[in-house]
N, C-alpha and C. Protein backbone atom coordinates (compact mmCIF):
# COMPACT_ATOMS: atom_id res chain seq x y z
N UNK A 1 42.41 -7.45 60.55
CA UNK A 1 43.00 -6.89 61.65
C UNK A 1 42.94 -5.44 61.55
N UNK A 2 42.69 -4.59 62.93
CA UNK A 2 42.42 -3.22 62.23
C UNK A 2 43.83 -2.39 63.12
N UNK A 3 44.83 -3.09 63.81
CA UNK A 3 45.72 -2.54 64.47
C UNK A 3 46.95 -3.18 64.15
N UNK A 4 47.82 -2.25 63.34
CA UNK A 4 49.48 -2.55 62.89
C UNK A 4 50.37 -2.06 63.78
N UNK A 5 50.16 -1.94 64.80
CA UNK A 5 51.08 -1.15 65.85
C UNK A 5 52.44 -2.06 65.88
N UNK A 6 52.12 -3.14 65.95
CA UNK A 6 53.66 -3.93 66.22
C UNK A 6 54.49 -4.08 64.56
N UNK A 7 53.55 -3.50 63.57
CA UNK A 7 54.04 -3.89 62.35
C UNK A 7 54.62 -2.05 62.01
N UNK A 8 54.14 -1.09 62.75
CA UNK A 8 54.67 0.13 62.53
C UNK A 8 55.90 0.34 63.38
N UNK A 9 56.25 -0.65 64.38
CA UNK A 9 57.15 -0.26 65.16
C UNK A 9 58.28 -1.35 64.52
N UNK A 10 57.75 -2.15 63.99
CA UNK A 10 58.82 -3.07 63.17
C UNK A 10 59.56 -2.16 62.03
N UNK A 11 58.42 -1.59 61.09
CA UNK A 11 59.12 -0.63 60.26
C UNK A 11 60.11 0.59 60.78
N UNK A 12 59.41 1.40 61.89
CA UNK A 12 60.18 2.18 62.31
C UNK A 12 61.78 1.76 62.81
N UNK A 13 61.43 0.57 63.39
CA UNK A 13 63.10 -0.08 63.87
C UNK A 13 64.07 -0.12 62.60
N UNK A 14 63.42 -0.84 61.45
CA UNK A 14 64.06 -0.96 60.22
C UNK A 14 64.36 0.35 59.69
N UNK A 15 63.50 1.03 59.53
CA UNK A 15 64.09 2.41 59.00
C UNK A 15 65.03 3.14 59.67
N UNK A 16 65.17 3.08 60.69
CA UNK A 16 66.42 3.62 61.46
C UNK A 16 67.40 2.52 61.46
N UNK A 17 67.61 1.73 61.35
CA UNK A 17 68.90 0.66 61.11
C UNK A 17 69.10 0.92 59.53
N UNK A 18 68.22 1.03 58.85
CA UNK A 18 68.68 1.22 57.46
C UNK A 18 69.50 3.05 57.22
N UNK A 19 68.65 3.83 57.71
CA UNK A 19 69.24 5.12 57.87
C UNK A 19 70.85 5.04 58.34
N UNK A 20 71.06 4.18 59.24
CA UNK A 20 72.34 4.07 59.68
C UNK A 20 73.19 3.52 58.92
N UNK A 21 73.07 2.51 58.02
CA UNK A 21 73.90 2.06 57.24
C UNK A 21 74.06 3.06 55.88
N UNK A 22 73.01 3.98 56.01
CA UNK A 22 72.99 4.48 54.54
C UNK A 22 74.13 5.50 55.21
N UNK A 23 74.26 5.95 56.23
CA UNK A 23 74.96 7.06 56.70
C UNK A 23 76.48 6.68 56.84
N UNK A 24 76.73 5.33 57.28
CA UNK A 24 78.14 4.77 57.15
C UNK A 24 78.54 4.68 55.79
N UNK A 25 77.69 4.25 54.95
CA UNK A 25 77.74 4.08 53.41
C UNK A 25 78.39 5.22 52.72
N UNK A 26 77.59 6.57 52.93
CA UNK A 26 78.08 7.99 52.65
C UNK A 26 79.41 8.42 53.65
N UNK A 27 79.61 8.03 54.60
CA UNK A 27 81.04 8.24 55.14
C UNK A 27 81.83 7.67 54.41
N UNK A 28 81.79 6.57 54.27
CA UNK A 28 82.93 5.60 53.34
C UNK A 28 83.12 6.08 51.99
N UNK A 29 82.14 6.83 51.39
CA UNK A 29 82.38 7.40 50.20
C UNK A 29 83.16 8.55 50.35
N UNK A 30 83.50 9.24 51.28
CA UNK A 30 84.32 10.43 51.41
C UNK A 30 85.39 9.86 51.95
N UNK A 31 85.69 8.82 52.32
CA UNK A 31 87.35 8.59 52.71
C UNK A 31 88.00 8.43 51.27
N UNK A 32 89.26 8.92 51.75
CA UNK A 32 90.14 8.93 50.45
C UNK A 32 90.82 7.89 49.95
N UNK A 33 90.90 7.49 48.87
CA UNK A 33 91.60 6.45 48.58
C UNK A 33 93.09 6.19 48.74
N UNK A 34 93.60 4.94 48.73
CA UNK A 34 95.08 4.86 48.62
C UNK A 34 96.13 5.11 47.75
N UNK A 35 97.25 5.57 47.89
CA UNK A 35 98.05 6.19 46.80
C UNK A 35 98.78 5.07 45.95
N UNK A 36 98.29 4.03 46.47
CA UNK A 36 99.13 2.78 45.62
C UNK A 36 98.00 2.50 44.45
N UNK A 37 98.36 2.52 43.45
CA UNK A 37 97.56 1.98 42.45
C UNK A 37 96.66 0.81 42.03
N UNK A 38 97.44 -0.11 42.58
CA UNK A 38 96.44 -1.32 42.55
C UNK A 38 95.40 -1.51 43.89
N UNK A 39 95.84 -0.77 44.81
CA UNK A 39 95.14 -0.53 46.05
C UNK A 39 93.91 0.20 45.56
N UNK A 40 93.94 1.26 44.97
CA UNK A 40 93.00 2.05 44.53
C UNK A 40 92.14 1.14 43.61
N UNK A 41 92.29 0.78 42.51
CA UNK A 41 91.66 0.00 41.81
C UNK A 41 90.49 -1.01 42.59
N UNK A 42 91.38 -1.84 43.73
CA UNK A 42 90.41 -2.77 44.48
C UNK A 42 89.66 -1.55 45.15
N UNK A 43 89.62 -0.43 45.85
CA UNK A 43 89.09 0.25 46.43
C UNK A 43 87.91 0.70 45.68
N UNK A 44 88.21 0.95 44.13
CA UNK A 44 86.96 1.51 43.49
C UNK A 44 85.81 0.51 42.98
N UNK A 45 86.50 -0.99 43.05
CA UNK A 45 85.59 -1.79 42.80
C UNK A 45 84.48 -1.99 44.04
N UNK A 46 85.52 -1.82 45.41
CA UNK A 46 84.06 -1.94 46.63
C UNK A 46 83.53 -0.54 46.59
N UNK A 47 83.74 0.56 46.00
CA UNK A 47 83.15 1.62 45.98
C UNK A 47 81.66 1.15 44.99
N UNK A 48 81.96 0.41 44.00
CA UNK A 48 80.70 0.14 43.09
C UNK A 48 79.65 -0.71 43.92
N UNK A 49 80.44 -1.64 44.64
CA UNK A 49 79.67 -2.51 45.29
C UNK A 49 78.63 -1.65 46.30
N UNK A 50 79.37 -0.80 46.76
CA UNK A 50 78.78 0.11 48.34
C UNK A 50 77.82 0.88 47.39
N UNK A 51 78.00 1.64 46.06
CA UNK A 51 76.96 2.19 45.55
C UNK A 51 75.62 1.49 45.20
N UNK A 52 75.69 0.32 44.74
CA UNK A 52 74.56 -0.54 44.66
C UNK A 52 73.76 -0.99 45.81
N UNK A 53 74.70 -1.25 46.86
CA UNK A 53 74.11 -0.92 48.35
C UNK A 53 73.23 -0.30 48.92
N UNK A 54 74.07 1.06 48.69
CA UNK A 54 73.13 2.40 48.87
C UNK A 54 71.88 2.53 48.03
N UNK A 55 71.94 2.29 46.79
CA UNK A 55 70.95 2.10 46.27
C UNK A 55 69.82 1.46 46.40
N UNK A 56 69.98 0.04 46.96
CA UNK A 56 69.24 -0.77 47.28
C UNK A 56 68.51 -0.46 48.59
N UNK A 57 69.33 0.24 49.82
CA UNK A 57 68.88 0.74 50.76
C UNK A 57 67.92 1.65 50.76
N UNK A 58 67.91 2.87 49.58
CA UNK A 58 67.26 3.96 49.18
C UNK A 58 65.78 3.36 49.21
N UNK A 59 65.68 2.33 47.85
CA UNK A 59 64.69 1.70 47.29
C UNK A 59 63.41 1.04 48.74
N UNK A 60 64.53 0.36 49.50
CA UNK A 60 63.92 -0.39 50.79
C UNK A 60 63.12 1.05 51.71
N UNK A 61 64.23 1.85 52.15
CA UNK A 61 63.67 3.24 52.82
C UNK A 61 62.20 3.83 52.00
N UNK A 62 62.21 3.88 50.77
CA UNK A 62 61.11 4.75 50.00
C UNK A 62 59.81 3.84 50.37
N UNK A 63 60.10 2.11 50.52
CA UNK A 63 58.96 1.33 50.50
C UNK A 63 58.53 1.32 52.08
N UNK A 64 59.12 1.59 53.07
CA UNK A 64 59.06 1.56 54.21
C UNK A 64 58.51 3.12 54.58
N UNK A 65 58.50 4.13 54.01
CA UNK A 65 57.91 5.30 54.09
C UNK A 65 56.57 5.34 53.43
N UNK A 66 56.52 4.64 52.28
CA UNK A 66 55.43 4.38 51.81
C UNK A 66 54.54 3.56 52.40
N UNK A 67 54.77 2.64 53.26
CA UNK A 67 53.85 1.79 53.95
C UNK A 67 53.15 2.60 55.22
N UNK A 68 54.20 3.57 56.03
CA UNK A 68 53.80 4.02 57.05
C UNK A 68 53.15 5.33 56.70
N UNK A 69 52.99 6.05 55.43
CA UNK A 69 51.96 6.71 54.91
C UNK A 69 50.84 6.18 54.79
N UNK A 70 50.80 4.90 54.05
CA UNK A 70 49.20 3.69 54.10
C UNK A 70 48.78 3.76 54.96
N UNK A 71 49.70 3.43 56.26
CA UNK A 71 49.47 3.30 57.82
C UNK A 71 48.32 4.37 58.09
N UNK A 72 48.74 5.55 58.19
CA UNK A 72 48.36 6.71 58.33
C UNK A 72 47.01 7.08 57.56
N UNK A 73 46.81 6.79 56.77
CA UNK A 73 45.83 6.84 55.53
C UNK A 73 44.86 5.73 56.12
N UNK A 74 45.20 4.97 56.51
CA UNK A 74 44.03 3.63 56.86
C UNK A 74 43.77 2.85 55.13
N UNK A 75 45.17 2.82 54.48
CA UNK A 75 45.06 1.90 53.69
C UNK A 75 46.39 0.83 53.43
N UNK A 76 46.63 1.08 54.59
CA UNK A 76 47.93 -0.50 54.38
C UNK A 76 47.75 -1.59 54.16
N UNK A 77 46.25 -2.18 54.77
CA UNK A 77 46.26 -3.66 54.21
C UNK A 77 45.32 -3.51 52.86
N UNK A 78 45.43 -2.72 51.98
CA UNK A 78 44.56 -2.55 50.67
C UNK A 78 46.07 -2.51 49.38
N UNK A 79 45.17 -3.47 48.50
CA UNK A 79 46.52 -3.68 47.61
C UNK A 79 46.40 -2.38 46.89
N UNK A 80 47.58 -1.93 46.33
CA UNK A 80 47.76 -0.63 45.58
C UNK A 80 47.43 -0.98 44.18
N UNK A 81 47.38 -2.08 43.67
CA UNK A 81 46.83 -2.29 42.28
C UNK A 81 45.39 -2.66 42.17
N UNK A 82 45.04 -3.55 42.93
CA UNK A 82 43.83 -4.26 42.51
C UNK A 82 42.94 -3.80 43.52
N UNK A 83 43.41 -3.18 44.76
CA UNK A 83 42.20 -2.45 45.73
C UNK A 83 41.84 -3.74 46.42
N UNK A 84 42.26 -4.90 46.38
CA UNK A 84 41.94 -6.18 47.70
C UNK A 84 42.67 -6.17 48.57
N UNK A 85 41.82 -6.61 49.58
CA UNK A 85 42.71 -6.98 51.01
C UNK A 85 44.13 -7.79 50.86
N UNK A 86 45.16 -7.08 51.43
CA UNK A 86 46.25 -8.03 51.54
C UNK A 86 46.15 -8.74 53.05
N UNK A 87 46.60 -10.12 53.03
CA UNK A 87 46.25 -10.84 54.21
C UNK A 87 47.32 -10.32 55.11
N UNK A 88 47.17 -10.74 56.34
CA UNK A 88 47.79 -10.49 57.43
C UNK A 88 48.82 -11.18 57.69
N UNK A 89 49.14 -12.38 57.07
CA UNK A 89 50.28 -13.03 56.91
C UNK A 89 51.18 -12.92 55.95
N UNK A 90 51.13 -11.98 54.94
CA UNK A 90 51.49 -11.40 54.11
C UNK A 90 52.18 -10.06 54.53
N UNK A 91 51.66 -9.40 55.09
CA UNK A 91 51.99 -8.17 56.07
C UNK A 91 52.95 -8.29 56.88
N UNK A 92 52.95 -9.37 57.67
CA UNK A 92 53.68 -9.90 58.81
C UNK A 92 55.05 -10.46 58.03
N UNK A 93 54.79 -11.14 57.28
CA UNK A 93 56.14 -11.55 56.02
C UNK A 93 57.14 -10.40 55.71
N UNK A 94 56.17 -9.52 55.09
CA UNK A 94 56.78 -8.64 54.16
C UNK A 94 56.11 -7.13 54.71
N UNK A 95 56.19 -6.48 55.77
CA UNK A 95 55.56 -5.44 56.21
C UNK A 95 55.61 -4.18 55.47
N UNK A 96 56.31 -4.06 54.28
CA UNK A 96 56.54 -2.96 53.62
C UNK A 96 56.03 -2.99 52.38
N UNK A 97 55.00 -4.38 52.24
CA UNK A 97 54.88 -4.72 50.60
C UNK A 97 53.34 -3.64 50.81
N UNK A 98 53.27 -3.45 49.13
CA UNK A 98 51.78 -2.76 49.13
C UNK A 98 51.06 -3.69 48.11
N UNK A 99 51.34 -4.58 47.99
CA UNK A 99 50.66 -5.75 46.99
C UNK A 99 50.15 -6.80 47.48
N UNK A 100 48.84 -7.27 47.14
CA UNK A 100 48.71 -8.42 47.66
C UNK A 100 49.51 -9.41 46.95
N UNK A 101 49.21 -10.95 47.15
CA UNK A 101 50.06 -12.02 46.51
C UNK A 101 49.74 -12.17 45.02
N UNK A 102 48.90 -12.04 44.85
CA UNK A 102 47.97 -12.01 43.63
C UNK A 102 48.74 -11.04 42.39
N UNK A 103 48.79 -10.01 42.99
CA UNK A 103 49.44 -9.01 42.07
C UNK A 103 51.01 -8.69 42.10
N UNK A 104 51.39 -9.26 43.28
CA UNK A 104 52.93 -9.63 43.39
C UNK A 104 53.56 -10.33 42.37
N UNK A 105 52.16 -11.32 42.15
CA UNK A 105 53.30 -12.41 41.29
C UNK A 105 53.18 -12.31 40.04
N UNK A 106 52.37 -11.26 39.33
CA UNK A 106 52.24 -10.55 38.03
C UNK A 106 53.32 -9.80 37.62
N UNK A 107 54.02 -9.39 38.53
CA UNK A 107 55.36 -8.43 38.66
C UNK A 107 56.48 -9.17 37.76
């Protein structure tokens, strides 16, 4: 398959969605904490969870950016590890993968 326009669109939509989520996370981090100590403890625990979510979003955004660059360079369907083709079914299931199923299984 030479044309990955649908996957490009899917990646762009996902990228936009993740950027919106990341923006909401950053806004929530600027919010002041409650004056009540018990409530602050709960809010700080929530902040830890939000931090982890933000880190995961950033990682996923990096993978999406990498996939979009690989598309531009006509390397999208080539495994970054072994150089073999990544089958279309895998790309449709996980559009930001850079590894074939064999190499992904080695991680």
